[in-house]
């Protein structure tokens, strides 16, 4: 199945993520999340390109209702923190120079659902790349070859 451009479930405005304002938005596959997406898994992904190995990389992930997270086809390390604001993962050792795929499988048991992500990668020389869940993510109803 061809990856589709992601439907944003809210406008690209500051969203509340555990009390921390962010440019990230709740995202989901382009369908009615509460009806067509109820009881379903959806696949969301973003490619992050790095000119160098990261000096530091963290990402906060929050989902409604649950998720599985992979980087470059491998499960991410256990979160270093977890709470109402989501899970915080250190991706420093998981990211490589070049193309990196952040892949999420998100489950909605019913009603509202989705994924919100906020992170940053700092490369050598202090170059920082922000990661926000937004229209740069791609979505699919099911995983396709190479999606993660």
Protein backbone atom coordinates (compact mmCIF):
# COMPACT_ATOMS: atom_id res chain seq x y z
CA UNK A 1 0.00 0.00 0.00
CA UNK A 2 1.30 3.38 -0.96
CA UNK A 3 2.08 5.71 1.91
CA UNK A 4 -0.35 8.57 2.08
CA UNK A 5 0.17 12.12 3.18
CA UNK A 6 -0.82 12.34 6.79
CA UNK A 7 -4.01 14.00 7.95
CA UNK A 8 -3.48 16.29 10.88
CA UNK A 9 -6.06 15.91 13.60
CA UNK A 10 -5.43 19.44 14.78
CA UNK A 11 -4.05 22.63 13.30
CA UNK A 12 -0.32 23.29 13.43
CA UNK A 13 -0.49 25.34 16.56
CA UNK A 14 1.03 24.91 19.97
CA UNK A 15 -0.29 21.65 21.43
CA UNK A 16 -0.16 20.67 25.07
CA UNK A 17 2.23 17.79 25.68
CA UNK A 18 2.46 17.31 29.40
CA UNK A 19 2.36 21.05 30.01
CA UNK A 20 5.13 21.80 27.50
CA UNK A 21 4.08 23.96 24.51
CA UNK A 22 5.18 22.46 21.20
CA UNK A 23 4.77 22.92 17.44
CA UNK A 24 3.81 19.24 17.24
CA UNK A 25 0.28 18.13 16.36
CA UNK A 26 -1.67 14.99 17.07
CA UNK A 27 -1.55 12.95 13.86
CA UNK A 28 -3.34 9.90 12.42
CA UNK A 29 -4.08 8.21 9.11
CA UNK A 30 -6.46 10.30 6.90
CA UNK A 31 -9.76 8.82 8.09
CA UNK A 32 -12.19 9.34 10.94
CA UNK A 33 -10.05 8.21 13.87
CA UNK A 34 -13.04 7.64 16.17
CA UNK A 35 -15.02 5.46 13.73
CA UNK A 36 -12.91 4.02 10.91
CA UNK A 37 -9.79 3.99 13.12
CA UNK A 38 -11.45 2.41 16.17
CA UNK A 39 -9.85 -0.90 17.14
CA UNK A 40 -7.19 -0.42 14.45
CA UNK A 41 -3.42 -0.10 14.15
CA UNK A 42 -2.05 2.59 11.81
CA UNK A 43 1.53 3.11 10.63
CA UNK A 44 3.20 6.52 10.82
CA UNK A 45 6.78 7.30 9.82
CA UNK A 46 9.27 10.07 9.22
CA UNK A 47 12.73 10.09 7.67
CA UNK A 48 15.44 12.09 9.45
CA UNK A 49 18.61 12.77 7.45
CA UNK A 50 21.84 13.45 9.34
CA UNK A 51 25.11 14.74 7.89
CA UNK A 52 27.00 13.32 10.90
CA UNK A 53 26.49 10.98 13.81
CA UNK A 54 24.41 12.64 16.52
CA UNK A 55 26.03 14.01 19.66
CA UNK A 56 22.62 13.86 21.37
CA UNK A 57 19.15 12.83 20.30
CA UNK A 58 16.00 12.65 22.40
CA UNK A 59 12.37 12.26 21.48
CA UNK A 60 9.15 12.42 23.49
CA UNK A 61 6.40 10.12 22.22
CA UNK A 62 2.80 10.10 23.37
CA UNK A 63 -0.01 8.04 21.87
CA UNK A 64 -3.69 7.45 22.38
CA UNK A 65 -4.01 4.53 23.03
CA UNK A 66 -0.73 2.64 22.53
CA UNK A 67 2.22 2.40 20.14
CA UNK A 68 5.26 0.47 19.01
CA UNK A 69 8.31 2.51 17.98
CA UNK A 70 11.20 1.44 15.76
CA UNK A 71 14.25 3.28 14.42
CA UNK A 72 15.90 1.93 11.28
CA UNK A 73 13.97 -1.33 11.62
CA UNK A 74 14.95 -1.99 15.24
CA UNK A 75 12.92 -1.49 18.44
CA UNK A 76 13.99 1.65 20.30
CA UNK A 77 15.73 1.39 23.65
CA UNK A 78 13.47 1.48 26.72
CA UNK A 79 12.34 4.99 27.60
CA UNK A 80 14.53 6.85 30.06
CA UNK A 81 11.39 8.50 31.47
CA UNK A 82 7.68 7.87 31.20
CA UNK A 83 4.59 9.61 32.50
CA UNK A 84 1.51 11.61 31.57
CA UNK A 85 3.58 13.59 29.04
CA UNK A 86 4.61 10.40 27.23
CA UNK A 87 7.81 8.42 26.94
CA UNK A 88 11.20 10.08 26.53
CA UNK A 89 13.70 8.06 24.49
CA UNK A 90 17.42 8.64 24.02
CA UNK A 91 18.06 7.88 20.34
CA UNK A 92 21.72 8.93 20.29
CA UNK A 93 22.98 5.37 19.78
CA UNK A 94 20.14 4.38 17.44
CA UNK A 95 20.60 7.07 14.78
CA UNK A 96 23.26 6.92 12.08
CA UNK A 97 24.81 9.26 9.56
CA UNK A 98 22.54 9.45 6.52
CA UNK A 99 18.89 8.42 6.37
CA UNK A 100 17.09 7.31 9.54
CA UNK A 101 13.52 6.04 9.64
CA UNK A 102 11.39 6.72 12.71
CA UNK A 103 8.48 4.27 12.44
CA UNK A 104 5.44 4.03 14.69
CA UNK A 105 2.57 1.59 14.83
CA UNK A 106 -0.23 3.30 16.75
CA UNK A 107 -3.35 1.59 18.14
CA UNK A 108 -6.67 3.29 18.79
CA UNK A 109 -9.06 1.25 20.94
CA UNK A 110 -11.90 3.68 20.14
CA UNK A 111 -12.81 7.34 20.35
CA UNK A 112 -10.04 9.92 19.96
CA UNK A 113 -6.64 8.53 19.06
CA UNK A 114 -3.34 9.48 17.54
CA UNK A 115 0.34 10.17 18.00
CA UNK A 116 2.26 13.27 19.05
CA UNK A 117 6.05 13.47 18.85
CA UNK A 118 8.56 16.14 19.84
CA UNK A 119 12.33 15.74 19.71
CA UNK A 120 15.68 17.15 18.76
CA UNK A 121 18.91 15.81 17.28
CA UNK A 122 22.17 17.68 17.81
CA UNK A 123 24.95 16.90 15.37
CA UNK A 124 28.63 17.80 15.54
CA UNK A 125 29.20 21.54 15.43
CA UNK A 126 25.97 22.22 17.30
CA UNK A 127 23.66 21.80 14.29
CA UNK A 128 20.24 20.93 15.69
CA UNK A 129 17.31 19.37 13.91
CA UNK A 130 13.85 19.49 15.49
CA UNK A 131 11.42 16.63 15.11
CA UNK A 132 7.70 17.37 15.40
CA UNK A 133 4.70 15.28 14.44
CA UNK A 134 3.33 17.23 11.50
CA UNK A 135 2.70 16.92 7.76
CA UNK A 136 6.27 15.62 7.25
CA UNK A 137 5.10 12.24 8.62
CA UNK A 138 3.70 9.66 6.22
CA UNK A 139 0.83 7.31 7.08
CA UNK A 140 -0.40 3.90 6.00
CA UNK A 141 -3.24 1.61 7.10
CA UNK A 142 -0.77 -1.24 7.36
CA UNK A 143 2.99 -1.69 7.22
CA UNK A 144 4.46 -1.98 3.74
CA UNK A 145 7.85 -3.47 2.86
CA UNK A 146 10.60 -1.22 4.17
CA UNK A 147 8.26 1.11 6.07
CA UNK A 148 10.31 0.82 9.25
